[in-house]
């Protein structure tokens, strides 16, 4: 049973105009899921597990970007309901993993065949990555992307300069457990969840062309993984080290780590609704 259903939106996310939210409420209603309440973050607080349990909510639909999805989901770990993640941001990586690269209306139209699934995530001391965690000087580009999204030209110039300098000159990040990859390390290490083991990739810039390709992937395509990289391998746990505190980007949101960080693969204690195979 998918109802009672609450809807969480974020006006700062890529697709969350009032008209888009109204259309989504209508498409959910057409699929048999009347929206009992709309929560407009950040004007309203994210719902807590106690809020949802008190109201008897069966499904929390989330129409936001990956960062807000992460904040809402991690606060609800252990809740007995299910999250319906809809494409409401710029990258929509979790929605794509659960439903494919389709618009929100296609997801709501397939809810009759939706299945509850559990996902493996990347667990760190600084938070859980539902999709991916980027570690190393390259994670500084998340600050540039944020300033571009806010259309703050002075911040764009400042964060771009800092990210450029840190990516080219900052101490590299090395994989020490397991001892693999380039001995000299990388400008960034990507640790992806979704499978039982972590998928690890290393990013470096041998020349200006590779650096330009990576910047294009990050700022224009909004996908760091489309840049040049090494496929390092799949592991249950990885530990990385650097000579300076390690910059982190967790599902697109910046964090500051220590000089040694460990990341593990764990099953996340929360159900997600997936329509990827609905009707197949």
C-alpha atoms as a PDB file:
ATOM      1  CA  UNK A   1       0.000   0.000   0.000  1.00  0.00           C
ATOM      2  CA  UNK A   2       1.405   3.392  -1.055  1.00  0.00           C
ATOM      3  CA  UNK A   3      -0.943   5.668   0.880  1.00  0.00           C
ATOM      4  CA  UNK A   4      -1.134   7.757   2.999  1.00  0.00           C
ATOM      5  CA  UNK A   5       1.516   9.640   0.997  1.00  0.00           C
ATOM      6  CA  UNK A   6       3.388  12.846   1.797  1.00  0.00           C
ATOM      7  CA  UNK A   7       5.374  14.838  -0.774  1.00  0.00           C
ATOM      8  CA  UNK A   8       8.653  16.618   0.013  1.00  0.00           C
ATOM      9  CA  UNK A   9       9.785  19.378  -2.370  1.00  0.00           C
ATOM     10  CA  UNK A  10      12.626  21.912  -2.446  1.00  0.00           C
ATOM     11  CA  UNK A  11      12.216  25.224  -4.261  1.00  0.00           C
ATOM     12  CA  UNK A  12      16.006  25.447  -4.706  1.00  0.00           C
ATOM     13  CA  UNK A  13      16.121  22.211  -6.714  1.00  0.00           C
ATOM     14  CA  UNK A  14      16.219  22.247 -10.491  1.00  0.00           C
ATOM     15  CA  UNK A  15      12.614  21.326 -11.343  1.00  0.00           C
ATOM     16  CA  UNK A  16      10.636  22.410  -8.292  1.00  0.00           C
ATOM     17  CA  UNK A  17       8.547  25.305  -9.613  1.00  0.00           C
ATOM     18  CA  UNK A  18       5.040  25.673  -8.221  1.00  0.00           C
ATOM     19  CA  UNK A  19       3.622  24.564 -11.558  1.00  0.00           C
ATOM     20  CA  UNK A  20       5.835  21.472 -11.612  1.00  0.00           C
ATOM     21  CA  UNK A  21       4.772  20.534  -8.081  1.00  0.00           C
ATOM     22  CA  UNK A  22       1.101  20.999  -8.985  1.00  0.00           C
ATOM     23  CA  UNK A  23       1.551  18.794 -12.056  1.00  0.00           C
ATOM     24  CA  UNK A  24       3.260  16.144  -9.940  1.00  0.00           C
ATOM     25  CA  UNK A  25       0.459  16.168  -7.361  1.00  0.00           C
ATOM     26  CA  UNK A  26      -1.989  15.685 -10.215  1.00  0.00           C
ATOM     27  CA  UNK A  27      -0.048  12.777 -11.712  1.00  0.00           C
ATOM     28  CA  UNK A  28       0.222  11.096  -8.304  1.00  0.00           C
ATOM     29  CA  UNK A  29      -3.537  11.501  -7.850  1.00  0.00           C
ATOM     30  CA  UNK A  30      -4.126   9.980 -11.299  1.00  0.00           C
ATOM     31  CA  UNK A  31      -2.057   6.967 -10.251  1.00  0.00           C
ATOM     32  CA  UNK A  32      -4.254   6.476  -7.181  1.00  0.00           C
ATOM     33  CA  UNK A  33      -1.946   8.213  -4.688  1.00  0.00           C
ATOM     34  CA  UNK A  34      -3.642  11.239  -3.172  1.00  0.00           C
ATOM     35  CA  UNK A  35      -1.055  13.561  -1.599  1.00  0.00           C
ATOM     36  CA  UNK A  36      -2.078  14.089   2.022  1.00  0.00           C
ATOM     37  CA  UNK A  37       0.534  16.766   2.692  1.00  0.00           C
ATOM     38  CA  UNK A  38       3.155  18.769   0.766  1.00  0.00           C
ATOM     39  CA  UNK A  39       6.293  19.723   2.734  1.00  0.00           C
ATOM     40  CA  UNK A  40       8.181  22.633   1.154  1.00  0.00           C
ATOM     41  CA  UNK A  41      11.800  22.487   2.318  1.00  0.00           C
ATOM     42  CA  UNK A  42      13.630  24.633   3.451  1.00  0.00           C
ATOM     43  CA  UNK A  43      10.624  26.782   4.454  1.00  0.00           C
ATOM     44  CA  UNK A  44       9.446  23.743   6.434  1.00  0.00           C
ATOM     45  CA  UNK A  45      11.605  21.241   8.302  1.00  0.00           C
ATOM     46  CA  UNK A  46      12.404  17.847   6.853  1.00  0.00           C
ATOM     47  CA  UNK A  47       9.986  15.220   8.185  1.00  0.00           C
ATOM     48  CA  UNK A  48      11.272  13.050  11.014  1.00  0.00           C
ATOM     49  CA  UNK A  49      10.606   9.378  11.566  1.00  0.00           C
ATOM     50  CA  UNK A  50       8.349  10.326  14.481  1.00  0.00           C
ATOM     51  CA  UNK A  51       6.358  12.701  12.246  1.00  0.00           C
ATOM     52  CA  UNK A  52       5.719  10.007   9.655  1.00  0.00           C
ATOM     53  CA  UNK A  53       4.899   7.297  12.176  1.00  0.00           C
ATOM     54  CA  UNK A  54       2.475   9.547  14.089  1.00  0.00           C
ATOM     55  CA  UNK A  55       0.623  10.378  10.852  1.00  0.00           C
ATOM     56  CA  UNK A  56       0.644   6.759   9.668  1.00  0.00           C
ATOM     57  CA  UNK A  57       2.438   7.705   6.430  1.00  0.00           C
ATOM     58  CA  UNK A  58       3.188   4.750   4.163  1.00  0.00           C
ATOM     59  CA  UNK A  59       5.155   6.588   1.461  1.00  0.00           C
ATOM     60  CA  UNK A  60       7.285   9.724   1.429  1.00  0.00           C
ATOM     61  CA  UNK A  61       7.660  10.975  -2.140  1.00  0.00           C
ATOM     62  CA  UNK A  62      10.728  13.194  -2.576  1.00  0.00           C
ATOM     63  CA  UNK A  63      10.865  15.668  -5.475  1.00  0.00           C
ATOM     64  CA  UNK A  64      14.240  17.343  -4.850  1.00  0.00           C
ATOM     65  CA  UNK A  65      17.917  17.124  -5.745  1.00  0.00           C
ATOM     66  CA  UNK A  66      20.268  14.392  -4.555  1.00  0.00           C
ATOM     67  CA  UNK A  67      21.547  16.419  -1.589  1.00  0.00           C
ATOM     68  CA  UNK A  68      18.103  16.918  -0.042  1.00  0.00           C
ATOM     69  CA  UNK A  69      17.211  13.288  -0.767  1.00  0.00           C
ATOM     70  CA  UNK A  70      20.306  12.257   1.173  1.00  0.00           C
ATOM     71  CA  UNK A  71      19.431  14.476   4.150  1.00  0.00           C
ATOM     72  CA  UNK A  72      15.843  13.212   4.277  1.00  0.00           C
ATOM     73  CA  UNK A  73      16.723   9.535   3.831  1.00  0.00           C
ATOM     74  CA  UNK A  74      19.533   9.435   6.385  1.00  0.00           C
ATOM     75  CA  UNK A  75      17.254  11.059   8.964  1.00  0.00           C
ATOM     76  CA  UNK A  76      14.662   8.319   8.351  1.00  0.00           C
ATOM     77  CA  UNK A  77      16.946   5.264   8.449  1.00  0.00           C
ATOM     78  CA  UNK A  78      15.042   2.460  10.170  1.00  0.00           C
ATOM     79  CA  UNK A  79      11.581   3.814   9.283  1.00  0.00           C
ATOM     80  CA  UNK A  80       9.074   1.148   8.186  1.00  0.00           C
ATOM     81  CA  UNK A  81       7.625   3.100   5.245  1.00  0.00           C
ATOM     82  CA  UNK A  82       9.131   3.595   1.797  1.00  0.00           C
ATOM     83  CA  UNK A  83      10.730   6.475  -0.092  1.00  0.00           C
ATOM     84  CA  UNK A  84       9.569   7.307  -3.602  1.00  0.00           C
ATOM     85  CA  UNK A  85      12.466   9.238  -5.145  1.00  0.00           C
ATOM     86  CA  UNK A  86      11.406  11.404  -8.101  1.00  0.00           C
ATOM     87  CA  UNK A  87      13.636  13.356 -10.535  1.00  0.00           C
ATOM     88  CA  UNK A  88      13.472  16.897  -9.159  1.00  0.00           C
ATOM     89  CA  UNK A  89      17.072  18.105  -9.252  1.00  0.00           C
ATOM     90  CA  UNK A  90      19.928  18.545 -11.728  1.00  0.00           C
ATOM     91  CA  UNK A  91      21.586  15.126 -11.687  1.00  0.00           C
ATOM     92  CA  UNK A  92      18.844  12.877 -10.269  1.00  0.00           C
ATOM     93  CA  UNK A  93      21.333  10.033  -9.827  1.00  0.00           C
ATOM     94  CA  UNK A  94      19.295   8.090  -7.267  1.00  0.00           C
ATOM     95  CA  UNK A  95      16.084   8.454  -9.271  1.00  0.00           C
ATOM     96  CA  UNK A  96      17.882   7.141 -12.356  1.00  0.00           C
ATOM     97  CA  UNK A  97      19.168   4.165 -10.375  1.00  0.00           C
ATOM     98  CA  UNK A  98      15.675   3.329  -9.120  1.00  0.00           C
ATOM     99  CA  UNK A  99      13.569   4.146 -12.188  1.00  0.00           C
ATOM    100  CA  UNK A 100      15.833   4.744 -15.175  1.00  0.00           C
ATOM    101  CA  UNK A 101      16.380   8.074 -16.934  1.00  0.00           C
ATOM    102  CA  UNK A 102      12.685   8.999 -17.164  1.00  0.00           C
ATOM    103  CA  UNK A 103      10.591  12.030 -16.109  1.00  0.00           C
ATOM    104  CA  UNK A 104       8.557  12.100 -12.918  1.00  0.00           C
ATOM    105  CA  UNK A 105       5.297  11.463 -14.779  1.00  0.00           C
ATOM    106  CA  UNK A 106       6.681   8.185 -16.145  1.00  0.00           C
ATOM    107  CA  UNK A 107       7.565   7.093 -12.614  1.00  0.00           C
ATOM    108  CA  UNK A 108       4.146   7.904 -11.182  1.00  0.00           C
ATOM    109  CA  UNK A 109       2.494   6.170 -14.122  1.00  0.00           C
ATOM    110  CA  UNK A 110       4.340   2.943 -13.279  1.00  0.00           C
ATOM    111  CA  UNK A 111       3.635   2.916  -9.535  1.00  0.00           C
ATOM    112  CA  UNK A 112       1.220  -0.020  -9.822  1.00  0.00           C
ATOM    113  CA  UNK A 113       4.234  -2.248 -10.497  1.00  0.00           C
ATOM    114  CA  UNK A 114       6.651  -0.611  -8.066  1.00  0.00           C
ATOM    115  CA  UNK A 115       8.731  -2.820  -5.789  1.00  0.00           C
ATOM    116  CA  UNK A 116      10.295  -2.091  -2.404  1.00  0.00           C
ATOM    117  CA  UNK A 117      14.076  -2.498  -2.581  1.00  0.00           C
ATOM    118  CA  UNK A 118      17.064  -2.012  -0.296  1.00  0.00           C
ATOM    119  CA  UNK A 119      20.291  -0.389  -1.482  1.00  0.00           C
ATOM    120  CA  UNK A 120      23.926  -0.686  -0.493  1.00  0.00           C
ATOM    121  CA  UNK A 121      25.448   2.682   0.389  1.00  0.00           C
ATOM    122  CA  UNK A 122      28.846   4.179   1.155  1.00  0.00           C
ATOM    123  CA  UNK A 123      29.218   4.650   4.908  1.00  0.00           C
ATOM    124  CA  UNK A 124      31.769   7.187   6.216  1.00  0.00           C
ATOM    125  CA  UNK A 125      32.446   9.064   9.448  1.00  0.00           C
ATOM    126  CA  UNK A 126      31.001  12.167   7.780  1.00  0.00           C
ATOM    127  CA  UNK A 127      27.752  10.760   6.485  1.00  0.00           C
ATOM    128  CA  UNK A 128      26.197   8.197   4.179  1.00  0.00           C
ATOM    129  CA  UNK A 129      26.422   8.458   0.399  1.00  0.00           C
ATOM    130  CA  UNK A 130      23.328   6.894  -1.148  1.00  0.00           C
ATOM    131  CA  UNK A 131      24.951   7.103  -4.582  1.00  0.00           C
ATOM    132  CA  UNK A 132      28.605   8.153  -4.475  1.00  0.00           C
ATOM    133  CA  UNK A 133      31.352   9.818  -2.496  1.00  0.00           C
ATOM    134  CA  UNK A 134      34.197  11.793  -4.041  1.00  0.00           C
ATOM    135  CA  UNK A 135      37.371  12.277  -1.983  1.00  0.00           C
ATOM    136  CA  UNK A 136      40.453  14.377  -2.659  1.00  0.00           C
ATOM    137  CA  UNK A 137      41.292  17.828  -4.072  1.00  0.00           C
ATOM    138  CA  UNK A 138      38.874  17.245  -6.962  1.00  0.00           C
ATOM    139  CA  UNK A 139      35.948  17.358  -4.528  1.00  0.00           C
ATOM    140  CA  UNK A 140      36.512  21.116  -4.310  1.00  0.00           C
ATOM    141  CA  UNK A 141      34.665  21.412  -7.626  1.00  0.00           C
ATOM    142  CA  UNK A 142      31.434  20.830  -5.715  1.00  0.00           C
ATOM    143  CA  UNK A 143      31.839  24.380  -4.360  1.00  0.00           C
ATOM    144  CA  UNK A 144      32.107  25.710  -7.920  1.00  0.00           C
ATOM    145  CA  UNK A 145      28.987  23.842  -8.979  1.00  0.00           C
ATOM    146  CA  UNK A 146      27.090  25.250  -5.996  1.00  0.00           C
ATOM    147  CA  UNK A 147      28.045  28.825  -6.863  1.00  0.00           C
ATOM    148  CA  UNK A 148      27.104  28.267 -10.519  1.00  0.00           C
ATOM    149  CA  UNK A 149      23.716  26.916  -9.407  1.00  0.00           C
ATOM    150  CA  UNK A 150      23.195  30.024  -7.233  1.00  0.00           C
ATOM    151  CA  UNK A 151      24.215  32.315 -10.148  1.00  0.00           C
ATOM    152  CA  UNK A 152      26.637  34.113  -7.811  1.00  0.00           C
ATOM    153  CA  UNK A 153      29.293  35.393 -10.219  1.00  0.00           C
ATOM    154  CA  UNK A 154      31.715  36.612  -7.546  1.00  0.00           C
ATOM    155  CA  UNK A 155      31.460  33.257  -5.751  1.00  0.00           C
ATOM    156  CA  UNK A 156      31.956  31.434  -9.060  1.00  0.00           C
ATOM    157  CA  UNK A 157      35.223  33.277  -9.647  1.00  0.00           C
ATOM    158  CA  UNK A 158      36.453  32.698  -6.088  1.00  0.00           C
ATOM    159  CA  UNK A 159      35.521  29.017  -5.868  1.00  0.00           C
ATOM    160  CA  UNK A 160      36.789  28.314  -9.393  1.00  0.00           C
ATOM    161  CA  UNK A 161      40.184  29.800  -8.547  1.00  0.00           C
ATOM    162  CA  UNK A 162      40.402  27.791  -5.314  1.00  0.00           C
ATOM    163  CA  UNK A 163      39.259  24.528  -6.945  1.00  0.00           C
ATOM    164  CA  UNK A 164      41.710  25.005  -9.804  1.00  0.00           C
ATOM    165  CA  UNK A 165      44.621  25.604  -7.438  1.00  0.00           C
ATOM    166  CA  UNK A 166      43.725  22.763  -5.058  1.00  0.00           C
ATOM    167  CA  UNK A 167      43.119  20.260  -7.852  1.00  0.00           C
ATOM    168  CA  UNK A 168      46.432  21.040  -9.541  1.00  0.00           C
ATOM    169  CA  UNK A 169      48.614  21.695  -6.478  1.00  0.00           C
ATOM    170  CA  UNK A 170      46.956  20.097  -3.443  1.00  0.00           C
ATOM    171  CA  UNK A 171      48.402  16.865  -1.997  1.00  0.00           C
ATOM    172  CA  UNK A 172      47.073  13.767  -3.784  1.00  0.00           C
ATOM    173  CA  UNK A 173      44.944  11.072  -2.187  1.00  0.00           C
ATOM    174  CA  UNK A 174      46.271   7.481  -2.019  1.00  0.00           C
ATOM    175  CA  UNK A 175      44.508   4.159  -1.518  1.00  0.00           C
ATOM    176  CA  UNK A 176      46.275   2.397   1.359  1.00  0.00           C
ATOM    177  CA  UNK A 177      43.838  -0.411   2.284  1.00  0.00           C
ATOM    178  CA  UNK A 178      43.870  -2.123  -0.122  1.00  0.00           C
ATOM    179  CA  UNK A 179      47.199  -0.832  -1.365  1.00  0.00           C
ATOM    180  CA  UNK A 180      46.202  -0.343  -4.984  1.00  0.00           C
ATOM    181  CA  UNK A 181      46.022   2.237  -7.736  1.00  0.00           C
ATOM    182  CA  UNK A 182      48.819   4.659  -8.576  1.00  0.00           C
ATOM    183  CA  UNK A 183      51.468   4.780  -5.817  1.00  0.00           C
ATOM    184  CA  UNK A 184      51.655   8.563  -6.173  1.00  0.00           C
ATOM    185  CA  UNK A 185      47.883   8.837  -5.698  1.00  0.00           C
ATOM    186  CA  UNK A 186      45.114  10.716  -7.466  1.00  0.00           C
ATOM    187  CA  UNK A 187      43.548  14.148  -7.572  1.00  0.00           C
ATOM    188  CA  UNK A 188      40.251  12.495  -6.644  1.00  0.00           C
ATOM    189  CA  UNK A 189      38.935   9.030  -5.780  1.00  0.00           C
ATOM    190  CA  UNK A 190      35.295   8.191  -6.485  1.00  0.00           C
ATOM    191  CA  UNK A 191      33.627   5.566  -4.280  1.00  0.00           C
ATOM    192  CA  UNK A 192      30.231   4.467  -5.613  1.00  0.00           C
ATOM    193  CA  UNK A 193      27.515   2.498  -3.829  1.00  0.00           C
ATOM    194  CA  UNK A 194      24.532   0.618  -5.196  1.00  0.00           C
ATOM    195  CA  UNK A 195      26.151  -2.821  -5.315  1.00  0.00           C
ATOM    196  CA  UNK A 196      27.293  -5.168  -2.545  1.00  0.00           C
ATOM    197  CA  UNK A 197      30.851  -3.910  -2.995  1.00  0.00           C
ATOM    198  CA  UNK A 198      32.124  -0.381  -3.444  1.00  0.00           C
ATOM    199  CA  UNK A 199      33.115   0.575  -6.975  1.00  0.00           C
ATOM    200  CA  UNK A 200      36.325   2.633  -6.842  1.00  0.00           C
ATOM    201  CA  UNK A 201      37.675   4.927  -9.571  1.00  0.00           C
ATOM    202  CA  UNK A 202      40.721   7.203  -9.602  1.00  0.00           C
ATOM    203  CA  UNK A 203      40.928  10.576 -11.331  1.00  0.00           C
ATOM    204  CA  UNK A 204      44.103  12.355 -12.349  1.00  0.00           C
ATOM    205  CA  UNK A 205      45.145  14.989 -14.852  1.00  0.00           C
ATOM    206  CA  UNK A 206      48.191  14.130 -16.927  1.00  0.00           C
ATOM    207  CA  UNK A 207      47.864  17.243 -19.090  1.00  0.00           C
ATOM    208  CA  UNK A 208      45.772  20.353 -19.643  1.00  0.00           C
ATOM    209  CA  UNK A 209      43.477  18.477 -22.031  1.00  0.00           C
ATOM    210  CA  UNK A 210      42.481  15.957 -19.382  1.00  0.00           C
ATOM    211  CA  UNK A 211      41.948  18.736 -16.851  1.00  0.00           C
ATOM    212  CA  UNK A 212      39.672  20.577 -19.305  1.00  0.00           C
ATOM    213  CA  UNK A 213      37.740  17.375 -20.016  1.00  0.00           C
ATOM    214  CA  UNK A 214      37.195  16.815 -16.295  1.00  0.00           C
ATOM    215  CA  UNK A 215      36.081  20.378 -15.701  1.00  0.00           C
ATOM    216  CA  UNK A 216      33.610  20.092 -18.582  1.00  0.00           C
ATOM    217  CA  UNK A 217      32.207  16.868 -17.145  1.00  0.00           C
ATOM    218  CA  UNK A 218      31.799  18.436 -13.716  1.00  0.00           C
ATOM    219  CA  UNK A 219      30.429  21.879 -14.579  1.00  0.00           C
ATOM    220  CA  UNK A 220      28.570  21.398 -17.867  1.00  0.00           C
ATOM    221  CA  UNK A 221      27.419  17.787 -17.906  1.00  0.00           C
ATOM    222  CA  UNK A 222      27.069  17.812 -14.096  1.00  0.00           C
ATOM    223  CA  UNK A 223      28.640  14.343 -13.968  1.00  0.00           C
ATOM    224  CA  UNK A 224      32.161  13.902 -12.631  1.00  0.00           C
ATOM    225  CA  UNK A 225      32.231  10.259 -13.752  1.00  0.00           C
ATOM    226  CA  UNK A 226      32.167  11.225 -17.420  1.00  0.00           C
ATOM    227  CA  UNK A 227      35.720  12.550 -17.169  1.00  0.00           C
ATOM    228  CA  UNK A 228      38.914  10.485 -17.779  1.00  0.00           C
ATOM    229  CA  UNK A 229      39.619   8.029 -14.957  1.00  0.00           C
ATOM    230  CA  UNK A 230      41.102   4.680 -13.872  1.00  0.00           C
ATOM    231  CA  UNK A 231      38.784   1.806 -12.913  1.00  0.00           C
ATOM    232  CA  UNK A 232      40.526   0.626  -9.724  1.00  0.00           C
ATOM    233  CA  UNK A 233      38.248  -2.200  -8.565  1.00  0.00           C
ATOM    234  CA  UNK A 234      35.436  -3.311  -6.244  1.00  0.00           C
ATOM    235  CA  UNK A 235      35.940  -3.751  -2.477  1.00  0.00           C
ATOM    236  CA  UNK A 236      33.981  -4.160   0.754  1.00  0.00           C
ATOM    237  CA  UNK A 237      36.013  -1.396   2.404  1.00  0.00           C
ATOM    238  CA  UNK A 238      38.641   1.122   1.318  1.00  0.00           C
ATOM    239  CA  UNK A 239      40.912   3.446   3.276  1.00  0.00           C
ATOM    240  CA  UNK A 240      42.538   6.522   1.765  1.00  0.00           C
ATOM    241  CA  UNK A 241      45.228   8.877   3.039  1.00  0.00           C
ATOM    242  CA  UNK A 242      46.619  12.289   2.185  1.00  0.00           C
ATOM    243  CA  UNK A 243      49.106  14.760   3.621  1.00  0.00           C
ATOM    244  CA  UNK A 244      46.287  17.250   4.261  1.00  0.00           C
ATOM    245  CA  UNK A 245      42.638  17.012   5.370  1.00  0.00           C
ATOM    246  CA  UNK A 246      40.703  15.311   2.605  1.00  0.00           C
ATOM    247  CA  UNK A 247      37.933  17.236   0.853  1.00  0.00           C
ATOM    248  CA  UNK A 248      34.779  15.125   0.448  1.00  0.00           C
ATOM    249  CA  UNK A 249      31.689  15.384  -1.726  1.00  0.00           C
ATOM    250  CA  UNK A 250      28.854  13.148  -0.467  1.00  0.00           C
ATOM    251  CA  UNK A 251      26.000  12.849  -2.982  1.00  0.00           C
ATOM    252  CA  UNK A 252      27.015  16.256  -4.316  1.00  0.00           C
ATOM    253  CA  UNK A 253      27.319  17.988  -0.911  1.00  0.00           C
ATOM    254  CA  UNK A 254      30.693  19.150   0.451  1.00  0.00           C
ATOM    255  CA  UNK A 255      32.206  17.840   3.678  1.00  0.00           C
ATOM    256  CA  UNK A 256      35.692  18.185   5.196  1.00  0.00           C
ATOM    257  CA  UNK A 257      37.454  14.977   6.205  1.00  0.00           C
ATOM    258  CA  UNK A 258      40.637  14.084   8.069  1.00  0.00           C
ATOM    259  CA  UNK A 259      43.961  12.937   6.598  1.00  0.00           C
ATOM    260  CA  UNK A 260      42.842   9.289   6.755  1.00  0.00           C
ATOM    261  CA  UNK A 261      39.324   8.162   5.860  1.00  0.00           C
ATOM    262  CA  UNK A 262      37.680   4.736   5.634  1.00  0.00           C
ATOM    263  CA  UNK A 263      34.603   3.975   3.530  1.00  0.00           C
ATOM    264  CA  UNK A 264      32.529   0.791   3.808  1.00  0.00           C
ATOM    265  CA  UNK A 265      29.674  -0.794   1.878  1.00  0.00           C
ATOM    266  CA  UNK A 266      26.549  -1.405   3.967  1.00  0.00           C
ATOM    267  CA  UNK A 267      22.916  -2.169   3.277  1.00  0.00           C
ATOM    268  CA  UNK A 268      20.869   0.922   4.129  1.00  0.00           C
ATOM    269  CA  UNK A 269      18.018   0.238   6.556  1.00  0.00           C
ATOM    270  CA  UNK A 270      15.269   1.896   4.539  1.00  0.00           C
ATOM    271  CA  UNK A 271      13.067   0.751   1.642  1.00  0.00           C
ATOM    272  CA  UNK A 272      13.005   2.593  -1.675  1.00  0.00           C
ATOM    273  CA  UNK A 273      10.294   2.185  -4.316  1.00  0.00           C
ATOM    274  CA  UNK A 274      11.669   1.118  -7.691  1.00  0.00           C
ATOM    275  CA  UNK A 275       9.747   1.079 -10.977  1.00  0.00           C
ATOM    276  CA  UNK A 276      12.725   0.138 -13.138  1.00  0.00           C
ATOM    277  CA  UNK A 277      11.270  -3.286 -13.969  1.00  0.00           C
ATOM    278  CA  UNK A 278       7.587  -2.402 -13.594  1.00  0.00           C
ATOM    279  CA  UNK A 279       5.574  -4.106 -16.332  1.00  0.00           C
ATOM    280  CA  UNK A 280       8.578  -5.993 -17.710  1.00  0.00           C
END
